[in-house]
């Protein structure tokens, strides 16, 4: 895998959360993008769950730093990110 390949560092419950996380990373100097945020518009046409959740992606070379920053922000009570997402709760039944 090349260093400029994109990798998922966060799956969000909804597009707003994904964009908040991506903006958090961008403000810290790590380029990030959101993928899958458009799927929320198809609610009802496709099953929504963990596999269709919006994803935040960064370059592979920045993945460890991005995940560390996200985890640190989530650990703070007043951090800029939403609470952890439970992937089991988002799966289809």
C-alpha atoms as a PDB file:
ATOM      1  CA  UNK A   1       0.000   0.000   0.000  1.00  0.00           C
ATOM      2  CA  UNK A   2       1.383   3.388  -0.981  1.00  0.00           C
ATOM      3  CA  UNK A   3       1.620   6.206   1.547  1.00  0.00           C
ATOM      4  CA  UNK A   4      -0.856   8.281  -0.453  1.00  0.00           C
ATOM      5  CA  UNK A   5      -3.551   5.575  -0.427  1.00  0.00           C
ATOM      6  CA  UNK A   6      -6.577   6.577   1.626  1.00  0.00           C
ATOM      7  CA  UNK A   7      -7.551   4.593   4.685  1.00  0.00           C
ATOM      8  CA  UNK A   8     -10.572   4.763   6.990  1.00  0.00           C
ATOM      9  CA  UNK A   9      -9.847   6.270  10.399  1.00  0.00           C
ATOM     10  CA  UNK A  10     -13.417   6.843  11.594  1.00  0.00           C
ATOM     11  CA  UNK A  11     -16.970   5.688  10.861  1.00  0.00           C
ATOM     12  CA  UNK A  12     -19.688   8.113  11.871  1.00  0.00           C
ATOM     13  CA  UNK A  13     -23.322   7.701  12.822  1.00  0.00           C
ATOM     14  CA  UNK A  14     -24.369  10.405  10.356  1.00  0.00           C
ATOM     15  CA  UNK A  15     -22.855  12.838   7.837  1.00  0.00           C
ATOM     16  CA  UNK A  16     -22.669  15.766  10.265  1.00  0.00           C
ATOM     17  CA  UNK A  17     -20.482  13.765  12.641  1.00  0.00           C
ATOM     18  CA  UNK A  18     -18.229  12.612   9.797  1.00  0.00           C
ATOM     19  CA  UNK A  19     -17.693  16.173   8.622  1.00  0.00           C
ATOM     20  CA  UNK A  20     -17.018  17.353  12.185  1.00  0.00           C
ATOM     21  CA  UNK A  21     -14.272  14.733  12.559  1.00  0.00           C
ATOM     22  CA  UNK A  22     -12.810  15.523   9.123  1.00  0.00           C
ATOM     23  CA  UNK A  23     -12.767  19.250   9.934  1.00  0.00           C
ATOM     24  CA  UNK A  24     -11.157  18.529  13.305  1.00  0.00           C
ATOM     25  CA  UNK A  25      -8.340  16.683  11.509  1.00  0.00           C
ATOM     26  CA  UNK A  26      -8.005  19.364   8.821  1.00  0.00           C
ATOM     27  CA  UNK A  27      -7.695  22.098  11.445  1.00  0.00           C
ATOM     28  CA  UNK A  28      -4.892  20.068  13.024  1.00  0.00           C
ATOM     29  CA  UNK A  29      -3.076  19.957   9.681  1.00  0.00           C
ATOM     30  CA  UNK A  30      -4.069  16.457   8.538  1.00  0.00           C
ATOM     31  CA  UNK A  31      -5.885  16.428   5.200  1.00  0.00           C
ATOM     32  CA  UNK A  32      -9.075  14.374   5.499  1.00  0.00           C
ATOM     33  CA  UNK A  33     -12.095  13.603   3.376  1.00  0.00           C
ATOM     34  CA  UNK A  34     -15.549  12.155   3.983  1.00  0.00           C
ATOM     35  CA  UNK A  35     -16.860   9.253   1.938  1.00  0.00           C
ATOM     36  CA  UNK A  36     -20.388   7.886   1.970  1.00  0.00           C
ATOM     37  CA  UNK A  37     -22.087  10.981   3.335  1.00  0.00           C
ATOM     38  CA  UNK A  38     -24.380  11.047   0.299  1.00  0.00           C
ATOM     39  CA  UNK A  39     -25.837   7.656   1.271  1.00  0.00           C
ATOM     40  CA  UNK A  40     -27.987   9.296   3.955  1.00  0.00           C
ATOM     41  CA  UNK A  41     -30.126  10.685   1.129  1.00  0.00           C
ATOM     42  CA  UNK A  42     -31.003   7.153   0.075  1.00  0.00           C
ATOM     43  CA  UNK A  43     -32.437   6.254   3.493  1.00  0.00           C
ATOM     44  CA  UNK A  44     -35.171   3.724   2.902  1.00  0.00           C
ATOM     45  CA  UNK A  45     -33.795   2.634  -0.457  1.00  0.00           C
ATOM     46  CA  UNK A  46     -30.711   0.982   1.007  1.00  0.00           C
ATOM     47  CA  UNK A  47     -30.252  -0.525   4.452  1.00  0.00           C
ATOM     48  CA  UNK A  48     -28.409   1.880   6.724  1.00  0.00           C
ATOM     49  CA  UNK A  49     -25.853   0.432   9.101  1.00  0.00           C
ATOM     50  CA  UNK A  50     -22.173   0.017   9.807  1.00  0.00           C
ATOM     51  CA  UNK A  51     -21.250  -0.822   6.206  1.00  0.00           C
ATOM     52  CA  UNK A  52     -22.988   2.249   4.807  1.00  0.00           C
ATOM     53  CA  UNK A  53     -21.984   4.685   7.584  1.00  0.00           C
ATOM     54  CA  UNK A  54     -20.120   7.817   6.474  1.00  0.00           C
ATOM     55  CA  UNK A  55     -16.358   7.315   6.708  1.00  0.00           C
ATOM     56  CA  UNK A  56     -13.508   9.711   7.372  1.00  0.00           C
ATOM     57  CA  UNK A  57     -10.422   8.919   5.304  1.00  0.00           C
ATOM     58  CA  UNK A  58      -6.830  10.143   5.464  1.00  0.00           C
ATOM     59  CA  UNK A  59      -3.596   9.224   3.682  1.00  0.00           C
ATOM     60  CA  UNK A  60      -2.100   6.004   5.008  1.00  0.00           C
ATOM     61  CA  UNK A  61       0.977   7.873   6.252  1.00  0.00           C
ATOM     62  CA  UNK A  62      -1.274  10.027   8.493  1.00  0.00           C
ATOM     63  CA  UNK A  63      -3.560   7.252   9.757  1.00  0.00           C
ATOM     64  CA  UNK A  64      -1.841   6.608  13.091  1.00  0.00           C
ATOM     65  CA  UNK A  65      -1.664  10.314  13.924  1.00  0.00           C
ATOM     66  CA  UNK A  66      -5.325  10.816  12.930  1.00  0.00           C
ATOM     67  CA  UNK A  67      -6.573   7.883  15.008  1.00  0.00           C
ATOM     68  CA  UNK A  68      -4.512   9.053  17.985  1.00  0.00           C
ATOM     69  CA  UNK A  69      -5.972  12.560  17.719  1.00  0.00           C
ATOM     70  CA  UNK A  70      -9.521  11.242  17.413  1.00  0.00           C
ATOM     71  CA  UNK A  71      -9.104   8.918  20.398  1.00  0.00           C
ATOM     72  CA  UNK A  72      -7.605  11.713  22.504  1.00  0.00           C
ATOM     73  CA  UNK A  73     -10.459  14.071  21.632  1.00  0.00           C
ATOM     74  CA  UNK A  74     -13.038  11.409  22.469  1.00  0.00           C
ATOM     75  CA  UNK A  75     -11.355  10.763  25.819  1.00  0.00           C
ATOM     76  CA  UNK A  76     -11.883  14.375  26.872  1.00  0.00           C
ATOM     77  CA  UNK A  77     -15.250  15.047  28.482  1.00  0.00           C
ATOM     78  CA  UNK A  78     -15.593  18.289  26.583  1.00  0.00           C
ATOM     79  CA  UNK A  79     -13.830  17.079  23.434  1.00  0.00           C
ATOM     80  CA  UNK A  80     -14.877  18.310  20.006  1.00  0.00           C
ATOM     81  CA  UNK A  81     -16.146  14.930  18.843  1.00  0.00           C
ATOM     82  CA  UNK A  82     -19.308  13.011  19.497  1.00  0.00           C
ATOM     83  CA  UNK A  83     -19.386   9.973  21.779  1.00  0.00           C
ATOM     84  CA  UNK A  84     -18.007   6.675  20.525  1.00  0.00           C
ATOM     85  CA  UNK A  85     -20.121   4.862  17.989  1.00  0.00           C
ATOM     86  CA  UNK A  86     -21.059   1.285  18.811  1.00  0.00           C
ATOM     87  CA  UNK A  87     -20.692  -0.649  15.541  1.00  0.00           C
ATOM     88  CA  UNK A  88     -22.873  -3.466  16.889  1.00  0.00           C
ATOM     89  CA  UNK A  89     -25.758  -1.055  17.457  1.00  0.00           C
ATOM     90  CA  UNK A  90     -25.551   0.121  13.858  1.00  0.00           C
ATOM     91  CA  UNK A  91     -25.662  -3.309  12.227  1.00  0.00           C
ATOM     92  CA  UNK A  92     -28.803  -4.591  10.603  1.00  0.00           C
ATOM     93  CA  UNK A  93     -30.796  -7.088  12.548  1.00  0.00           C
END
